[in-house]
């Protein structure tokens, strides 16, 4: 998967989470928690984990939560 495709997938997921927030206002923290758990699980499967897969998950977490280890906390992607 190239970086453009991975970034596109992360943006689409962030947009879907914003839409789902209208149905369930707590969807963002639930989703972030689930994705963090999945990220940890995939990362620990080193023999099968693909760095691109992990990168897409990190981008998605950053876009949905607004948190980046480099830039700290900011607004989620679609709230800027």
PDB file of N, CA and C in Angstrom:
ATOM      1  N   UNK A   1       0.874  -1.182   0.000  1.00  0.00           N
ATOM      2  CA  UNK A   1       0.000   0.000   0.000  1.00  0.00           C
ATOM      3  C   UNK A   1       0.909   1.229   0.000  1.00  0.00           C
ATOM      4  N   UNK A   2       0.651   2.154  -0.895  1.00  0.00           N
ATOM      5  CA  UNK A   2       1.471   3.356  -0.907  1.00  0.00           C
ATOM      6  C   UNK A   2       0.954   4.355   0.131  1.00  0.00           C
ATOM      7  N   UNK A   3       1.762   5.388   0.404  1.00  0.00           N
ATOM      8  CA  UNK A   3       1.391   6.369   1.434  1.00  0.00           C
ATOM      9  C   UNK A   3       0.115   7.128   1.097  1.00  0.00           C
ATOM     10  N   UNK A   4      -0.122   7.393  -0.189  1.00  0.00           N
ATOM     11  CA  UNK A   4      -1.337   8.118  -0.566  1.00  0.00           C
ATOM     12  C   UNK A   4      -2.577   7.301  -0.265  1.00  0.00           C
ATOM     13  N   UNK A   5      -2.516   6.019  -0.557  1.00  0.00           N
ATOM     14  CA  UNK A   5      -3.653   5.149  -0.289  1.00  0.00           C
ATOM     15  C   UNK A   5      -3.887   5.022   1.214  1.00  0.00           C
ATOM     16  N   UNK A   6      -2.814   4.844   1.970  1.00  0.00           N
ATOM     17  CA  UNK A   6      -2.932   4.744   3.421  1.00  0.00           C
ATOM     18  C   UNK A   6      -3.501   6.007   4.036  1.00  0.00           C
ATOM     19  N   UNK A   7      -3.037   7.163   3.580  1.00  0.00           N
ATOM     20  CA  UNK A   7      -3.566   8.436   4.085  1.00  0.00           C
ATOM     21  C   UNK A   7      -5.027   8.592   3.696  1.00  0.00           C
ATOM     22  N   UNK A   8      -5.368   8.174   2.491  1.00  0.00           N
ATOM     23  CA  UNK A   8      -6.760   8.251   2.043  1.00  0.00           C
ATOM     24  C   UNK A   8      -7.679   7.383   2.886  1.00  0.00           C
ATOM     25  N   UNK A   9      -7.226   6.194   3.220  1.00  0.00           N
ATOM     26  CA  UNK A   9      -8.015   5.303   4.069  1.00  0.00           C
ATOM     27  C   UNK A   9      -8.224   5.942   5.441  1.00  0.00           C
ATOM     28  N   UNK A  10      -7.178   6.517   6.010  1.00  0.00           N
ATOM     29  CA  UNK A  10      -7.282   7.167   7.321  1.00  0.00           C
ATOM     30  C   UNK A  10      -8.267   8.337   7.284  1.00  0.00           C
ATOM     31  N   UNK A  11      -8.245   9.131   6.225  1.00  0.00           N
ATOM     32  CA  UNK A  11      -9.165  10.267   6.089  1.00  0.00           C
ATOM     33  C   UNK A  11     -10.609   9.787   5.957  1.00  0.00           C
ATOM     34  N   UNK A  12     -10.824   8.744   5.172  1.00  0.00           N
ATOM     35  CA  UNK A  12     -12.178   8.210   5.009  1.00  0.00           C
ATOM     36  C   UNK A  12     -12.716   7.707   6.350  1.00  0.00           C
ATOM     37  N   UNK A  13     -11.896   7.006   7.099  1.00  0.00           N
ATOM     38  CA  UNK A  13     -12.331   6.506   8.407  1.00  0.00           C
ATOM     39  C   UNK A  13     -12.636   7.667   9.349  1.00  0.00           C
ATOM     40  N   UNK A  14     -11.807   8.702   9.338  1.00  0.00           N
ATOM     41  CA  UNK A  14     -12.065   9.873  10.184  1.00  0.00           C
ATOM     42  C   UNK A  14     -13.405  10.516   9.824  1.00  0.00           C
ATOM     43  N   UNK A  15     -13.707  10.593   8.539  1.00  0.00           N
ATOM     44  CA  UNK A  15     -14.986  11.170   8.103  1.00  0.00           C
ATOM     45  C   UNK A  15     -16.152  10.296   8.560  1.00  0.00           C
ATOM     46  N   UNK A  16     -16.006   8.993   8.476  1.00  0.00           N
ATOM     47  CA  UNK A  16     -17.066   8.088   8.920  1.00  0.00           C
ATOM     48  C   UNK A  16     -17.314   8.212  10.427  1.00  0.00           C
ATOM     49  N   UNK A  17     -16.271   8.365  11.189  1.00  0.00           N
ATOM     50  CA  UNK A  17     -16.427   8.524  12.637  1.00  0.00           C
ATOM     51  C   UNK A  17     -17.202   9.807  12.931  1.00  0.00           C
ATOM     52  N   UNK A  18     -16.936  10.866  12.197  1.00  0.00           N
ATOM     53  CA  UNK A  18     -17.679  12.115  12.405  1.00  0.00           C
ATOM     54  C   UNK A  18     -19.164  11.930  12.100  1.00  0.00           C
ATOM     55  N   UNK A  19     -19.478  11.183  11.060  1.00  0.00           N
ATOM     56  CA  UNK A  19     -20.884  10.919  10.722  1.00  0.00           C
ATOM     57  C   UNK A  19     -21.541  10.057  11.803  1.00  0.00           C
ATOM     58  N   UNK A  20     -20.830   9.036  12.258  1.00  0.00           N
ATOM     59  CA  UNK A  20     -21.375   8.150  13.289  1.00  0.00           C
ATOM     60  C   UNK A  20     -21.575   8.864  14.620  1.00  0.00           C
ATOM     61  N   UNK A  21     -20.819   9.938  14.839  1.00  0.00           N
ATOM     62  CA  UNK A  21     -20.979  10.718  16.071  1.00  0.00           C
ATOM     63  C   UNK A  21     -22.384  11.291  16.200  1.00  0.00           C
ATOM     64  N   UNK A  22     -23.051  11.517  15.082  1.00  0.00           N
ATOM     65  CA  UNK A  22     -24.426  12.024  15.110  1.00  0.00           C
ATOM     66  C   UNK A  22     -25.380  10.978  15.694  1.00  0.00           C
ATOM     67  N   UNK A  23     -25.071   9.706  15.508  1.00  0.00           N
ATOM     68  CA  UNK A  23     -25.893   8.616  16.031  1.00  0.00           C
ATOM     69  C   UNK A  23     -25.487   8.286  17.469  1.00  0.00           C
ATOM     70  N   UNK A  24     -24.184   8.220  17.705  1.00  0.00           N
ATOM     71  CA  UNK A  24     -23.635   7.884  19.026  1.00  0.00           C
ATOM     72  C   UNK A  24     -22.545   8.897  19.366  1.00  0.00           C
ATOM     73  N   UNK A  25     -22.833   9.864  20.244  1.00  0.00           N
ATOM     74  CA  UNK A  25     -21.850  10.886  20.584  1.00  0.00           C
ATOM     75  C   UNK A  25     -20.559  10.328  21.194  1.00  0.00           C
ATOM     76  N   UNK A  26     -20.606   9.107  21.715  1.00  0.00           N
ATOM     77  CA  UNK A  26     -19.420   8.501  22.329  1.00  0.00           C
ATOM     78  C   UNK A  26     -18.626   7.622  21.374  1.00  0.00           C
ATOM     79  N   UNK A  27     -18.943   7.662  20.102  1.00  0.00           N
ATOM     80  CA  UNK A  27     -18.283   6.773  19.145  1.00  0.00           C
ATOM     81  C   UNK A  27     -16.784   7.076  19.029  1.00  0.00           C
ATOM     82  N   UNK A  28     -16.380   8.320  19.103  1.00  0.00           N
ATOM     83  CA  UNK A  28     -14.961   8.656  18.935  1.00  0.00           C
ATOM     84  C   UNK A  28     -14.095   7.989  20.010  1.00  0.00           C
ATOM     85  N   UNK A  29     -14.377   8.189  21.308  1.00  0.00           N
ATOM     86  CA  UNK A  29     -13.517   7.531  22.302  1.00  0.00           C
ATOM     87  C   UNK A  29     -13.589   6.002  22.243  1.00  0.00           C
ATOM     88  N   UNK A  30     -14.758   5.457  21.922  1.00  0.00           N
ATOM     89  CA  UNK A  30     -14.880   4.005  21.787  1.00  0.00           C
ATOM     90  C   UNK A  30     -14.011   3.504  20.639  1.00  0.00           C
ATOM     91  N   UNK A  31     -14.080   4.205  19.510  1.00  0.00           N
ATOM     92  CA  UNK A  31     -13.311   3.808  18.334  1.00  0.00           C
ATOM     93  C   UNK A  31     -11.813   3.910  18.605  1.00  0.00           C
ATOM     94  N   UNK A  32     -11.392   5.004  19.207  1.00  0.00           N
ATOM     95  CA  UNK A  32      -9.967   5.200  19.494  1.00  0.00           C
ATOM     96  C   UNK A  32      -9.459   4.105  20.428  1.00  0.00           C
ATOM     97  N   UNK A  33     -10.248   3.770  21.437  1.00  0.00           N
ATOM     98  CA  UNK A  33      -9.854   2.708  22.365  1.00  0.00           C
ATOM     99  C   UNK A  33      -9.697   1.377  21.642  1.00  0.00           C
ATOM    100  N   UNK A  34     -10.675   1.048  20.805  1.00  0.00           N
ATOM    101  CA  UNK A  34     -10.621  -0.205  20.052  1.00  0.00           C
ATOM    102  C   UNK A  34      -9.436  -0.229  19.082  1.00  0.00           C
ATOM    103  N   UNK A  35      -9.195   0.884  18.412  1.00  0.00           N
ATOM    104  CA  UNK A  35      -8.096   0.938  17.451  1.00  0.00           C
ATOM    105  C   UNK A  35      -6.744   0.885  18.158  1.00  0.00           C
ATOM    106  N   UNK A  36      -6.630   1.529  19.314  1.00  0.00           N
ATOM    107  CA  UNK A  36      -5.386   1.435  20.094  1.00  0.00           C
ATOM    108  C   UNK A  36      -5.121  -0.006  20.507  1.00  0.00           C
ATOM    109  N   UNK A  37      -6.166  -0.704  20.949  1.00  0.00           N
ATOM    110  CA  UNK A  37      -6.017  -2.117  21.316  1.00  0.00           C
ATOM    111  C   UNK A  37      -5.585  -2.952  20.112  1.00  0.00           C
ATOM    112  N   UNK A  38      -6.215  -2.711  18.971  1.00  0.00           N
ATOM    113  CA  UNK A  38      -5.864  -3.445  17.750  1.00  0.00           C
ATOM    114  C   UNK A  38      -4.429  -3.137  17.329  1.00  0.00           C
ATOM    115  N   UNK A  39      -4.035  -1.881  17.433  1.00  0.00           N
ATOM    116  CA  UNK A  39      -2.666  -1.476  17.071  1.00  0.00           C
ATOM    117  C   UNK A  39      -1.662  -2.238  17.924  1.00  0.00           C
ATOM    118  N   UNK A  40      -1.913  -2.277  19.232  1.00  0.00           N
ATOM    119  CA  UNK A  40      -1.003  -2.975  20.137  1.00  0.00           C
ATOM    120  C   UNK A  40      -0.917  -4.452  19.792  1.00  0.00           C
ATOM    121  N   UNK A  41      -2.056  -5.050  19.518  1.00  0.00           N
ATOM    122  CA  UNK A  41      -2.086  -6.471  19.174  1.00  0.00           C
ATOM    123  C   UNK A  41      -1.324  -6.746  17.880  1.00  0.00           C
ATOM    124  N   UNK A  42      -1.555  -5.941  16.869  1.00  0.00           N
ATOM    125  CA  UNK A  42      -0.867  -6.128  15.581  1.00  0.00           C
ATOM    126  C   UNK A  42       0.635  -5.871  15.728  1.00  0.00           C
ATOM    127  N   UNK A  43       0.990  -4.841  16.476  1.00  0.00           N
ATOM    128  CA  UNK A  43       2.405  -4.505  16.662  1.00  0.00           C
ATOM    129  C   UNK A  43       3.160  -5.657  17.326  1.00  0.00           C
ATOM    130  N   UNK A  44       2.498  -6.369  18.239  1.00  0.00           N
ATOM    131  CA  UNK A  44       3.154  -7.472  18.937  1.00  0.00           C
ATOM    132  C   UNK A  44       3.253  -8.732  18.089  1.00  0.00           C
ATOM    133  N   UNK A  45       2.562  -8.749  16.965  1.00  0.00           N
ATOM    134  CA  UNK A  45       2.670  -9.872  16.037  1.00  0.00           C
ATOM    135  C   UNK A  45       3.754  -9.524  15.018  1.00  0.00           C
ATOM    136  N   UNK A  46       4.967  -9.335  15.496  1.00  0.00           N
ATOM    137  CA  UNK A  46       6.052  -8.815  14.678  1.00  0.00           C
ATOM    138  C   UNK A  46       6.296  -9.600  13.397  1.00  0.00           C
ATOM    139  N   UNK A  47       6.122 -10.892  13.440  1.00  0.00           N
ATOM    140  CA  UNK A  47       6.415 -11.677  12.249  1.00  0.00           C
ATOM    141  C   UNK A  47       5.390 -11.457  11.138  1.00  0.00           C
ATOM    142  N   UNK A  48       4.174 -11.007  11.505  1.00  0.00           N
ATOM    143  CA  UNK A  48       3.158 -10.788  10.473  1.00  0.00           C
ATOM    144  C   UNK A  48       2.782  -9.317  10.322  1.00  0.00           C
ATOM    145  N   UNK A  49       3.221  -8.466  11.252  1.00  0.00           N
ATOM    146  CA  UNK A  49       2.857  -7.049  11.192  1.00  0.00           C
ATOM    147  C   UNK A  49       3.592  -6.366  10.045  1.00  0.00           C
ATOM    148  N   UNK A  50       2.855  -5.625   9.284  1.00  0.00           N
ATOM    149  CA  UNK A  50       3.411  -4.860   8.187  1.00  0.00           C
ATOM    150  C   UNK A  50       3.505  -3.407   8.650  1.00  0.00           C
ATOM    151  N   UNK A  51       4.637  -2.778   8.469  1.00  0.00           N
ATOM    152  CA  UNK A  51       4.822  -1.395   8.929  1.00  0.00           C
ATOM    153  C   UNK A  51       3.796  -0.451   8.307  1.00  0.00           C
ATOM    154  N   UNK A  52       3.387  -0.718   7.080  1.00  0.00           N
ATOM    155  CA  UNK A  52       2.381   0.125   6.435  1.00  0.00           C
ATOM    156  C   UNK A  52       1.038   0.002   7.144  1.00  0.00           C
ATOM    157  N   UNK A  53       0.679  -1.210   7.549  1.00  0.00           N
ATOM    158  CA  UNK A  53      -0.570  -1.397   8.293  1.00  0.00           C
ATOM    159  C   UNK A  53      -0.550  -0.606   9.587  1.00  0.00           C
ATOM    160  N   UNK A  54       0.565  -0.679  10.293  1.00  0.00           N
ATOM    161  CA  UNK A  54       0.698   0.071  11.545  1.00  0.00           C
ATOM    162  C   UNK A  54       0.639   1.571  11.292  1.00  0.00           C
ATOM    163  N   UNK A  55       1.256   2.018  10.211  1.00  0.00           N
ATOM    164  CA  UNK A  55       1.246   3.444   9.880  1.00  0.00           C
ATOM    165  C   UNK A  55      -0.170   3.935   9.611  1.00  0.00           C
ATOM    166  N   UNK A  56      -0.960   3.171   8.874  1.00  0.00           N
ATOM    167  CA  UNK A  56      -2.344   3.566   8.594  1.00  0.00           C
ATOM    168  C   UNK A  56      -3.136   3.652   9.895  1.00  0.00           C
ATOM    169  N   UNK A  57      -2.913   2.710  10.806  1.00  0.00           N
ATOM    170  CA  UNK A  57      -3.603   2.766  12.095  1.00  0.00           C
ATOM    171  C   UNK A  57      -3.177   3.993  12.888  1.00  0.00           C
ATOM    172  N   UNK A  58      -1.875   4.310  12.885  1.00  0.00           N
ATOM    173  CA  UNK A  58      -1.399   5.512  13.597  1.00  0.00           C
ATOM    174  C   UNK A  58      -2.001   6.777  12.992  1.00  0.00           C
ATOM    175  N   UNK A  59      -2.020   6.874  11.668  1.00  0.00           N
ATOM    176  CA  UNK A  59      -2.614   8.043  11.017  1.00  0.00           C
ATOM    177  C   UNK A  59      -4.084   8.176  11.388  1.00  0.00           C
ATOM    178  N   UNK A  60      -4.792   7.048  11.390  1.00  0.00           N
ATOM    179  CA  UNK A  60      -6.221   7.083  11.720  1.00  0.00           C
ATOM    180  C   UNK A  60      -6.435   7.552  13.156  1.00  0.00           C
ATOM    181  N   UNK A  61      -5.657   7.027  14.081  1.00  0.00           N
ATOM    182  CA  UNK A  61      -5.764   7.460  15.478  1.00  0.00           C
ATOM    183  C   UNK A  61      -5.490   8.954  15.590  1.00  0.00           C
ATOM    184  N   UNK A  62      -4.454   9.429  14.916  1.00  0.00           N
ATOM    185  CA  UNK A  62      -4.115  10.854  14.965  1.00  0.00           C
ATOM    186  C   UNK A  62      -5.226  11.720  14.382  1.00  0.00           C
ATOM    187  N   UNK A  63      -5.785  11.314  13.251  1.00  0.00           N
ATOM    188  CA  UNK A  63      -6.833  12.122  12.619  1.00  0.00           C
ATOM    189  C   UNK A  63      -8.110  12.149  13.452  1.00  0.00           C
ATOM    190  N   UNK A  64      -8.486  11.011  14.016  1.00  0.00           N
ATOM    191  CA  UNK A  64      -9.734  10.930  14.770  1.00  0.00           C
ATOM    192  C   UNK A  64      -9.597  11.582  16.151  1.00  0.00           C
ATOM    193  N   UNK A  65      -8.463  11.356  16.815  1.00  0.00           N
ATOM    194  CA  UNK A  65      -8.298  11.865  18.180  1.00  0.00           C
ATOM    195  C   UNK A  65      -7.706  13.268  18.227  1.00  0.00           C
ATOM    196  N   UNK A  66      -6.915  13.611  17.225  1.00  0.00           N
ATOM    197  CA  UNK A  66      -6.194  14.880  17.258  1.00  0.00           C
ATOM    198  C   UNK A  66      -4.891  14.787  18.027  1.00  0.00           C
ATOM    199  N   UNK A  67      -4.555  13.588  18.530  1.00  0.00           N
ATOM    200  CA  UNK A  67      -3.332  13.432  19.316  1.00  0.00           C
ATOM    201  C   UNK A  67      -2.222  12.835  18.472  1.00  0.00           C
ATOM    202  N   UNK A  68      -1.060  13.461  18.562  1.00  0.00           N
ATOM    203  CA  UNK A  68       0.133  12.975  17.886  1.00  0.00           C
ATOM    204  C   UNK A  68       1.274  13.002  18.897  1.00  0.00           C
ATOM    205  N   UNK A  69       2.086  11.958  18.907  1.00  0.00           N
ATOM    206  CA  UNK A  69       3.231  11.927  19.825  1.00  0.00           C
ATOM    207  C   UNK A  69       4.200  13.064  19.538  1.00  0.00           C
ATOM    208  N   UNK A  70       4.228  13.522  18.306  1.00  0.00           N
ATOM    209  CA  UNK A  70       5.144  14.595  17.918  1.00  0.00           C
ATOM    210  C   UNK A  70       4.550  15.960  18.233  1.00  0.00           C
ATOM    211  N   UNK A  71       3.280  16.177  17.872  1.00  0.00           N
ATOM    212  CA  UNK A  71       2.655  17.490  18.026  1.00  0.00           C
ATOM    213  C   UNK A  71       1.775  17.603  19.263  1.00  0.00           C
ATOM    214  N   UNK A  72       1.661  16.539  20.047  1.00  0.00           N
ATOM    215  CA  UNK A  72       0.816  16.494  21.238  1.00  0.00           C
ATOM    216  C   UNK A  72      -0.653  16.609  20.856  1.00  0.00           C
ATOM    217  N   UNK A  73      -1.463  17.235  21.682  1.00  0.00           N
ATOM    218  CA  UNK A  73      -2.907  17.286  21.441  1.00  0.00           C
ATOM    219  C   UNK A  73      -3.292  18.497  20.602  1.00  0.00           C
ATOM    220  N   UNK A  74      -4.129  18.263  19.624  1.00  0.00           N
ATOM    221  CA  UNK A  74      -4.714  19.316  18.812  1.00  0.00           C
ATOM    222  C   UNK A  74      -6.123  18.883  18.466  1.00  0.00           C
ATOM    223  N   UNK A  75      -6.830  19.639  17.686  1.00  0.00           N
ATOM    224  CA  UNK A  75      -8.186  19.263  17.307  1.00  0.00           C
ATOM    225  C   UNK A  75      -8.183  18.094  16.325  1.00  0.00           C
ATOM    226  N   UNK A  76      -9.203  17.236  16.390  1.00  0.00           N
ATOM    227  CA  UNK A  76      -9.325  16.185  15.389  1.00  0.00           C
ATOM    228  C   UNK A  76      -9.367  16.773  13.975  1.00  0.00           C
ATOM    229  N   UNK A  77      -8.994  15.978  12.999  1.00  0.00           N
ATOM    230  CA  UNK A  77      -8.832  16.406  11.614  1.00  0.00           C
ATOM    231  C   UNK A  77     -10.001  17.225  11.079  1.00  0.00           C
ATOM    232  N   UNK A  78     -11.221  16.754  11.234  1.00  0.00           N
ATOM    233  CA  UNK A  78     -12.372  17.449  10.665  1.00  0.00           C
ATOM    234  C   UNK A  78     -12.911  18.533  11.577  1.00  0.00           C
ATOM    235  N   UNK A  79     -12.236  18.819  12.664  1.00  0.00           N
ATOM    236  CA  UNK A  79     -12.662  19.900  13.568  1.00  0.00           C
ATOM    237  C   UNK A  79     -11.748  21.115  13.458  1.00  0.00           C
ATOM    238  N   UNK A  80     -10.765  21.057  12.562  1.00  0.00           N
ATOM    239  CA  UNK A  80      -9.830  22.181  12.422  1.00  0.00           C
ATOM    240  C   UNK A  80     -10.369  23.218  11.465  1.00  0.00           C
TER     241      UNK A  80
END
